[in-house]
Amino acid sequence: MSTEQKQLTGIAEAVLMAGSQSKLATVLGVSQQLVSKWVRQGWVPMGRILEIEAQYGISRHRLANPRLTDLVGAGAEA
């Protein structure tokens, strides 16, 4: 993974892998505006995390709301 990718949020990386917000939205069956909202906030709703993780191989911990991952701690990745 490049330095640039390490600085991206999980959802921003998913957009790059899909090719655009519109393409990711199509894959997920949502609007581009909703994907744009996720990119701005830096995380996706819990109901979409596993779907994006399976499709693009991005860790669920990088896609989740950081407040939630802070609650479960770093050991939750196992």
PDB file of N, CA and C in Angstrom:
ATOM      1  N   MET A   1       0.849  -1.181   0.000  1.00  0.00           N
ATOM      2  CA  MET A   1       0.000   0.000   0.000  1.00  0.00           C
ATOM      3  C   MET A   1       0.887   1.234   0.000  1.00  0.00           C
ATOM      4  N   SER A   2       0.564   2.178  -0.826  1.00  0.00           N
ATOM      5  CA  SER A   2       1.375   3.395  -0.923  1.00  0.00           C
ATOM      6  C   SER A   2       1.112   4.319   0.260  1.00  0.00           C
ATOM      7  N   THR A   3       2.001   5.284   0.450  1.00  0.00           N
ATOM      8  CA  THR A   3       1.827   6.269   1.522  1.00  0.00           C
ATOM      9  C   THR A   3       0.526   7.032   1.342  1.00  0.00           C
ATOM     10  N   GLU A   4       0.195   7.353   0.095  1.00  0.00           N
ATOM     11  CA  GLU A   4      -1.041   8.083  -0.173  1.00  0.00           C
ATOM     12  C   GLU A   4      -2.260   7.272   0.259  1.00  0.00           C
ATOM     13  N   GLN A   5      -2.278   5.966  -0.024  1.00  0.00           N
ATOM     14  CA  GLN A   5      -3.411   5.134   0.352  1.00  0.00           C
ATOM     15  C   GLN A   5      -3.533   5.018   1.871  1.00  0.00           C
ATOM     16  N   LYS A   6      -2.410   4.998   2.598  1.00  0.00           N
ATOM     17  CA  LYS A   6      -2.447   4.900   4.049  1.00  0.00           C
ATOM     18  C   LYS A   6      -3.112   6.120   4.661  1.00  0.00           C
ATOM     19  N   GLN A   7      -3.048   7.258   3.997  1.00  0.00           N
ATOM     20  CA  GLN A   7      -3.635   8.475   4.523  1.00  0.00           C
ATOM     21  C   GLN A   7      -5.125   8.585   4.195  1.00  0.00           C
ATOM     22  N   LEU A   8      -5.605   7.769   3.287  1.00  0.00           N
ATOM     23  CA  LEU A   8      -7.010   7.811   2.900  1.00  0.00           C
ATOM     24  C   LEU A   8      -7.867   7.093   3.928  1.00  0.00           C
ATOM     25  N   THR A   9      -9.100   7.548   4.060  1.00  0.00           N
ATOM     26  CA  THR A   9     -10.060   6.788   4.847  1.00  0.00           C
ATOM     27  C   THR A   9     -10.429   5.546   4.050  1.00  0.00           C
ATOM     28  N   GLY A  10     -11.032   4.581   4.712  1.00  0.00           N
ATOM     29  CA  GLY A  10     -11.447   3.367   4.021  1.00  0.00           C
ATOM     30  C   GLY A  10     -12.434   3.646   2.906  1.00  0.00           C
ATOM     31  N   ILE A  11     -13.375   4.542   3.133  1.00  0.00           N
ATOM     32  CA  ILE A  11     -14.368   4.835   2.105  1.00  0.00           C
ATOM     33  C   ILE A  11     -13.742   5.574   0.936  1.00  0.00           C
ATOM     34  N   ALA A  12     -12.780   6.445   1.188  1.00  0.00           N
ATOM     35  CA  ALA A  12     -12.095   7.130   0.087  1.00  0.00           C
ATOM     36  C   ALA A  12     -11.314   6.125  -0.756  1.00  0.00           C
ATOM     37  N   GLU A  13     -10.710   5.143  -0.111  1.00  0.00           N
ATOM     38  CA  GLU A  13     -10.004   4.099  -0.849  1.00  0.00           C
ATOM     39  C   GLU A  13     -10.977   3.266  -1.684  1.00  0.00           C
ATOM     40  N   ALA A  14     -12.154   2.964  -1.138  1.00  0.00           N
ATOM     41  CA  ALA A  14     -13.162   2.210  -1.888  1.00  0.00           C
ATOM     42  C   ALA A  14     -13.587   2.974  -3.138  1.00  0.00           C
ATOM     43  N   VAL A  15     -13.735   4.274  -3.023  1.00  0.00           N
ATOM     44  CA  VAL A  15     -14.090   5.102  -4.184  1.00  0.00           C
ATOM     45  C   VAL A  15     -12.986   5.005  -5.232  1.00  0.00           C
ATOM     46  N   LEU A  16     -11.732   5.104  -4.807  1.00  0.00           N
ATOM     47  CA  LEU A  16     -10.617   4.981  -5.755  1.00  0.00           C
ATOM     48  C   LEU A  16     -10.623   3.618  -6.438  1.00  0.00           C
ATOM     49  N   MET A  17     -10.854   2.574  -5.675  1.00  0.00           N
ATOM     50  CA  MET A  17     -10.852   1.226  -6.238  1.00  0.00           C
ATOM     51  C   MET A  17     -12.016   1.016  -7.205  1.00  0.00           C
ATOM     52  N   ALA A  18     -13.161   1.617  -6.896  1.00  0.00           N
ATOM     53  CA  ALA A  18     -14.332   1.496  -7.768  1.00  0.00           C
ATOM     54  C   ALA A  18     -14.185   2.337  -9.027  1.00  0.00           C
ATOM     55  N   GLY A  19     -13.443   3.425  -8.929  1.00  0.00           N
ATOM     56  CA  GLY A  19     -13.238   4.304 -10.073  1.00  0.00           C
ATOM     57  C   GLY A  19     -13.892   5.656  -9.924  1.00  0.00           C
ATOM     58  N   SER A  20     -14.944   5.737  -9.139  1.00  0.00           N
ATOM     59  CA  SER A  20     -15.625   7.004  -8.875  1.00  0.00           C
ATOM     60  C   SER A  20     -16.700   6.778  -7.817  1.00  0.00           C
ATOM     61  N   GLN A  21     -17.202   7.875  -7.267  1.00  0.00           N
ATOM     62  CA  GLN A  21     -18.308   7.775  -6.330  1.00  0.00           C
ATOM     63  C   GLN A  21     -19.529   7.171  -7.009  1.00  0.00           C
ATOM     64  N   SER A  22     -19.772   7.559  -8.238  1.00  0.00           N
ATOM     65  CA  SER A  22     -20.935   7.043  -8.975  1.00  0.00           C
ATOM     66  C   SER A  22     -20.843   5.539  -9.188  1.00  0.00           C
ATOM     67  N   LYS A  23     -19.650   5.064  -9.536  1.00  0.00           N
ATOM     68  CA  LYS A  23     -19.478   3.625  -9.759  1.00  0.00           C
ATOM     69  C   LYS A  23     -19.643   2.842  -8.465  1.00  0.00           C
ATOM     70  N   LEU A  24     -19.093   3.365  -7.377  1.00  0.00           N
ATOM     71  CA  LEU A  24     -19.270   2.701  -6.083  1.00  0.00           C
ATOM     72  C   LEU A  24     -20.743   2.692  -5.698  1.00  0.00           C
ATOM     73  N   ALA A  25     -21.410   3.802  -5.919  1.00  0.00           N
ATOM     74  CA  ALA A  25     -22.840   3.889  -5.611  1.00  0.00           C
ATOM     75  C   ALA A  25     -23.627   2.842  -6.387  1.00  0.00           C
ATOM     76  N   THR A  26     -23.305   2.668  -7.652  1.00  0.00           N
ATOM     77  CA  THR A  26     -23.996   1.671  -8.476  1.00  0.00           C
ATOM     78  C   THR A  26     -23.781   0.267  -7.926  1.00  0.00           C
ATOM     79  N   VAL A  27     -22.534  -0.050  -7.574  1.00  0.00           N
ATOM     80  CA  VAL A  27     -22.222  -1.371  -7.018  1.00  0.00           C
ATOM     81  C   VAL A  27     -23.024  -1.626  -5.740  1.00  0.00           C
ATOM     82  N   LEU A  28     -23.163  -0.593  -4.917  1.00  0.00           N
ATOM     83  CA  LEU A  28     -23.842  -0.736  -3.628  1.00  0.00           C
ATOM     84  C   LEU A  28     -25.348  -0.513  -3.715  1.00  0.00           C
ATOM     85  N   GLY A  29     -25.825  -0.026  -4.847  1.00  0.00           N
ATOM     86  CA  GLY A  29     -27.255   0.228  -4.995  1.00  0.00           C
ATOM     87  C   GLY A  29     -27.740   1.430  -4.211  1.00  0.00           C
ATOM     88  N   VAL A  30     -26.879   2.450  -4.102  1.00  0.00           N
ATOM     89  CA  VAL A  30     -27.239   3.684  -3.406  1.00  0.00           C
ATOM     90  C   VAL A  30     -26.971   4.862  -4.340  1.00  0.00           C
ATOM     91  N   SER A  31     -27.304   6.050  -3.893  1.00  0.00           N
ATOM     92  CA  SER A  31     -27.061   7.237  -4.716  1.00  0.00           C
ATOM     93  C   SER A  31     -25.615   7.721  -4.566  1.00  0.00           C
ATOM     94  N   GLN A  32     -25.144   8.432  -5.576  1.00  0.00           N
ATOM     95  CA  GLN A  32     -23.815   9.036  -5.519  1.00  0.00           C
ATOM     96  C   GLN A  32     -23.757  10.045  -4.385  1.00  0.00           C
ATOM     97  N   GLN A  33     -24.868  10.726  -4.133  1.00  0.00           N
ATOM     98  CA  GLN A  33     -24.902  11.721  -3.059  1.00  0.00           C
ATOM     99  C   GLN A  33     -24.669  11.067  -1.696  1.00  0.00           C
ATOM    100  N   LEU A  34     -25.191   9.856  -1.519  1.00  0.00           N
ATOM    101  CA  LEU A  34     -24.980   9.157  -0.259  1.00  0.00           C
ATOM    102  C   LEU A  34     -23.512   8.757  -0.100  1.00  0.00           C
ATOM    103  N   VAL A  35     -22.905   8.269  -1.165  1.00  0.00           N
ATOM    104  CA  VAL A  35     -21.486   7.930  -1.116  1.00  0.00           C
ATOM    105  C   VAL A  35     -20.671   9.189  -0.813  1.00  0.00           C
ATOM    106  N   SER A  36     -21.039  10.309  -1.420  1.00  0.00           N
ATOM    107  CA  SER A  36     -20.358  11.576  -1.159  1.00  0.00           C
ATOM    108  C   SER A  36     -20.443  11.943   0.321  1.00  0.00           C
ATOM    109  N   LYS A  37     -21.584  11.727   0.929  1.00  0.00           N
ATOM    110  CA  LYS A  37     -21.755  11.998   2.362  1.00  0.00           C
ATOM    111  C   LYS A  37     -20.812  11.127   3.181  1.00  0.00           C
ATOM    112  N   TRP A  38     -20.719   9.849   2.822  1.00  0.00           N
ATOM    113  CA  TRP A  38     -19.827   8.941   3.543  1.00  0.00           C
ATOM    114  C   TRP A  38     -18.377   9.390   3.420  1.00  0.00           C
ATOM    115  N   VAL A  39     -17.991   9.821   2.235  1.00  0.00           N
ATOM    116  CA  VAL A  39     -16.615  10.288   2.026  1.00  0.00           C
ATOM    117  C   VAL A  39     -16.344  11.517   2.899  1.00  0.00           C
ATOM    118  N   ARG A  40     -17.292  12.455   2.929  1.00  0.00           N
ATOM    119  CA  ARG A  40     -17.111  13.668   3.748  1.00  0.00           C
ATOM    120  C   ARG A  40     -16.983  13.340   5.230  1.00  0.00           C
ATOM    121  N   GLN A  41     -17.793  12.396   5.717  1.00  0.00           N
ATOM    122  CA  GLN A  41     -17.734  12.068   7.144  1.00  0.00           C
ATOM    123  C   GLN A  41     -16.597  11.100   7.467  1.00  0.00           C
ATOM    124  N   GLY A  42     -16.105  10.386   6.446  1.00  0.00           N
ATOM    125  CA  GLY A  42     -14.949   9.518   6.641  1.00  0.00           C
ATOM    126  C   GLY A  42     -15.259   8.097   7.057  1.00  0.00           C
ATOM    127  N   TRP A  43     -16.525   7.723   7.087  1.00  0.00           N
ATOM    128  CA  TRP A  43     -16.914   6.369   7.464  1.00  0.00           C
ATOM    129  C   TRP A  43     -18.267   6.028   6.851  1.00  0.00           C
ATOM    130  N   VAL A  44     -18.602   4.721   6.884  1.00  0.00           N
ATOM    131  CA  VAL A  44     -19.873   4.258   6.314  1.00  0.00           C
ATOM    132  C   VAL A  44     -20.741   3.646   7.411  1.00  0.00           C
ATOM    133  N   PRO A  45     -22.038   3.579   7.193  1.00  0.00           N
ATOM    134  CA  PRO A  45     -22.918   2.960   8.182  1.00  0.00           C
ATOM    135  C   PRO A  45     -22.585   1.479   8.380  1.00  0.00           C
ATOM    136  N   MET A  46     -22.854   0.978   9.554  1.00  0.00           N
ATOM    137  CA  MET A  46     -22.554  -0.414   9.894  1.00  0.00           C
ATOM    138  C   MET A  46     -23.133  -1.396   8.871  1.00  0.00           C
ATOM    139  N   GLY A  47     -24.305  -1.108   8.353  1.00  0.00           N
ATOM    140  CA  GLY A  47     -24.952  -2.008   7.410  1.00  0.00           C
ATOM    141  C   GLY A  47     -24.249  -2.145   6.075  1.00  0.00           C
ATOM    142  N   ARG A  48     -23.304  -1.286   5.774  1.00  0.00           N
ATOM    143  CA  ARG A  48     -22.581  -1.323   4.497  1.00  0.00           C
ATOM    144  C   ARG A  48     -21.133  -1.786   4.633  1.00  0.00           C
ATOM    145  N   ILE A  49     -20.643  -1.868   5.862  1.00  0.00           N
ATOM    146  CA  ILE A  49     -19.229  -2.178   6.082  1.00  0.00           C
ATOM    147  C   ILE A  49     -18.832  -3.532   5.504  1.00  0.00           C
ATOM    148  N   LEU A  50     -19.573  -4.582   5.826  1.00  0.00           N
ATOM    149  CA  LEU A  50     -19.201  -5.919   5.365  1.00  0.00           C
ATOM    150  C   LEU A  50     -19.281  -6.037   3.847  1.00  0.00           C
ATOM    151  N   GLU A  51     -20.248  -5.369   3.263  1.00  0.00           N
ATOM    152  CA  GLU A  51     -20.404  -5.389   1.810  1.00  0.00           C
ATOM    153  C   GLU A  51     -19.184  -4.762   1.121  1.00  0.00           C
ATOM    154  N   ILE A  52     -18.740  -3.623   1.618  1.00  0.00           N
ATOM    155  CA  ILE A  52     -17.583  -2.951   1.024  1.00  0.00           C
ATOM    156  C   ILE A  52     -16.312  -3.748   1.312  1.00  0.00           C
ATOM    157  N   GLU A  53     -16.202  -4.289   2.498  1.00  0.00           N
ATOM    158  CA  GLU A  53     -15.037  -5.099   2.847  1.00  0.00           C
ATOM    159  C   GLU A  53     -14.929  -6.308   1.912  1.00  0.00           C
ATOM    160  N   ALA A  54     -16.027  -6.982   1.665  1.00  0.00           N
ATOM    161  CA  ALA A  54     -16.021  -8.158   0.789  1.00  0.00           C
ATOM    162  C   ALA A  54     -15.714  -7.782  -0.658  1.00  0.00           C
ATOM    163  N   GLN A  55     -16.263  -6.690  -1.119  1.00  0.00           N
ATOM    164  CA  GLN A  55     -16.101  -6.283  -2.512  1.00  0.00           C
ATOM    165  C   GLN A  55     -14.700  -5.752  -2.810  1.00  0.00           C
ATOM    166  N   TYR A  56     -14.134  -4.989  -1.872  1.00  0.00           N
ATOM    167  CA  TYR A  56     -12.876  -4.288  -2.145  1.00  0.00           C
ATOM    168  C   TYR A  56     -11.716  -4.670  -1.229  1.00  0.00           C
ATOM    169  N   GLY A  57     -11.961  -5.527  -0.247  1.00  0.00           N
ATOM    170  CA  GLY A  57     -10.889  -5.975   0.633  1.00  0.00           C
ATOM    171  C   GLY A  57     -10.376  -4.931   1.600  1.00  0.00           C
ATOM    172  N   ILE A  58     -11.180  -3.942   1.888  1.00  0.00           N
ATOM    173  CA  ILE A  58     -10.786  -2.884   2.819  1.00  0.00           C
ATOM    174  C   ILE A  58     -11.261  -3.282   4.220  1.00  0.00           C
ATOM    175  N   SER A  59     -10.372  -3.219   5.173  1.00  0.00           N
ATOM    176  CA  SER A  59     -10.685  -3.634   6.538  1.00  0.00           C
ATOM    177  C   SER A  59     -11.902  -2.906   7.087  1.00  0.00           C
ATOM    178  N   ARG A  60     -12.751  -3.661   7.738  1.00  0.00           N
ATOM    179  CA  ARG A  60     -13.954  -3.068   8.356  1.00  0.00           C
ATOM    180  C   ARG A  60     -13.598  -1.989   9.366  1.00  0.00           C
ATOM    181  N   HIS A  61     -12.423  -2.102   9.978  1.00  0.00           N
ATOM    182  CA  HIS A  61     -12.014  -1.101  10.965  1.00  0.00           C
ATOM    183  C   HIS A  61     -11.695   0.239  10.309  1.00  0.00           C
ATOM    184  N   ARG A  62     -11.295   0.212   9.043  1.00  0.00           N
ATOM    185  CA  ARG A  62     -11.031   1.455   8.313  1.00  0.00           C
ATOM    186  C   ARG A  62     -12.314   2.068   7.773  1.00  0.00           C
ATOM    187  N   LEU A  63     -13.373   1.284   7.688  1.00  0.00           N
ATOM    188  CA  LEU A  63     -14.645   1.772   7.138  1.00  0.00           C
ATOM    189  C   LEU A  63     -15.596   2.266   8.225  1.00  0.00           C
ATOM    190  N   ALA A  64     -15.423   1.776   9.440  1.00  0.00           N
ATOM    191  CA  ALA A  64     -16.353   2.074  10.534  1.00  0.00           C
ATOM    192  C   ALA A  64     -16.124   3.455  11.131  1.00  0.00           C
ATOM    193  N   ASN A  65     -17.153   3.934  11.789  1.00  0.00           N
ATOM    194  CA  ASN A  65     -17.063   5.182  12.539  1.00  0.00           C
ATOM    195  C   ASN A  65     -15.942   5.037  13.570  1.00  0.00           C
ATOM    196  N   PRO A  66     -14.951   5.908  13.574  1.00  0.00           N
ATOM    197  CA  PRO A  66     -13.833   5.792  14.514  1.00  0.00           C
ATOM    198  C   PRO A  66     -14.274   5.768  15.971  1.00  0.00           C
ATOM    199  N   ARG A  67     -15.367   6.394  16.293  1.00  0.00           N
ATOM    200  CA  ARG A  67     -15.860   6.366  17.678  1.00  0.00           C
ATOM    201  C   ARG A  67     -16.208   4.946  18.098  1.00  0.00           C
ATOM    202  N   LEU A  68     -16.748   4.170  17.161  1.00  0.00           N
ATOM    203  CA  LEU A  68     -17.109   2.788  17.475  1.00  0.00           C
ATOM    204  C   LEU A  68     -15.879   1.915  17.607  1.00  0.00           C
ATOM    205  N   THR A  69     -14.913   2.084  16.712  1.00  0.00           N
ATOM    206  CA  THR A  69     -13.707   1.261  16.805  1.00  0.00           C
ATOM    207  C   THR A  69     -12.907   1.606  18.050  1.00  0.00           C
ATOM    208  N   ASP A  70     -12.955   2.846  18.492  1.00  0.00           N
ATOM    209  CA  ASP A  70     -12.278   3.237  19.742  1.00  0.00           C
ATOM    210  C   ASP A  70     -12.911   2.526  20.948  1.00  0.00           C
ATOM    211  N   LEU A  71     -14.219   2.302  20.879  1.00  0.00           N
ATOM    212  CA  LEU A  71     -14.906   1.634  21.988  1.00  0.00           C
ATOM    213  C   LEU A  71     -14.517   0.169  22.121  1.00  0.00           C
ATOM    214  N   VAL A  72     -14.318  -0.507  20.980  1.00  0.00           N
ATOM    215  CA  VAL A  72     -13.984  -1.934  21.026  1.00  0.00           C
ATOM    216  C   VAL A  72     -12.485  -2.173  21.115  1.00  0.00           C
ATOM    217  N   GLY A  73     -11.677  -1.185  20.837  1.00  0.00           N
ATOM    218  CA  GLY A  73     -10.227  -1.296  20.975  1.00  0.00           C
ATOM    219  C   GLY A  73      -9.576  -1.974  19.805  1.00  0.00           C
ATOM    220  N   ALA A  74      -8.265  -1.916  19.768  1.00  0.00           N
ATOM    221  CA  ALA A  74      -7.475  -2.438  18.659  1.00  0.00           C
ATOM    222  C   ALA A  74      -7.521  -3.954  18.598  1.00  0.00           C
ATOM    223  N   GLY A  75      -7.775  -4.634  19.694  1.00  0.00           N
ATOM    224  CA  GLY A  75      -7.785  -6.100  19.718  1.00  0.00           C
ATOM    225  C   GLY A  75      -8.943  -6.713  18.953  1.00  0.00           C
ATOM    226  N   ALA A  76      -9.887  -5.931  18.501  1.00  0.00           N
ATOM    227  CA  ALA A  76     -11.057  -6.453  17.824  1.00  0.00           C
ATOM    228  C   ALA A  76     -10.753  -6.948  16.419  1.00  0.00           C
ATOM    229  N   GLU A  77      -9.565  -6.682  15.889  1.00  0.00           N
ATOM    230  CA  GLU A  77      -9.245  -7.090  14.519  1.00  0.00           C
ATOM    231  C   GLU A  77      -9.014  -8.587  14.403  1.00  0.00           C
ATOM    232  N   ALA A  78      -8.741  -9.282  15.474  1.00  0.00           N
ATOM    233  CA  ALA A  78      -8.428 -10.714  15.431  1.00  0.00           C
ATOM    234  C   ALA A  78      -9.588 -11.545  14.978  1.00  0.00           C
TER     235      ALA A  78
END
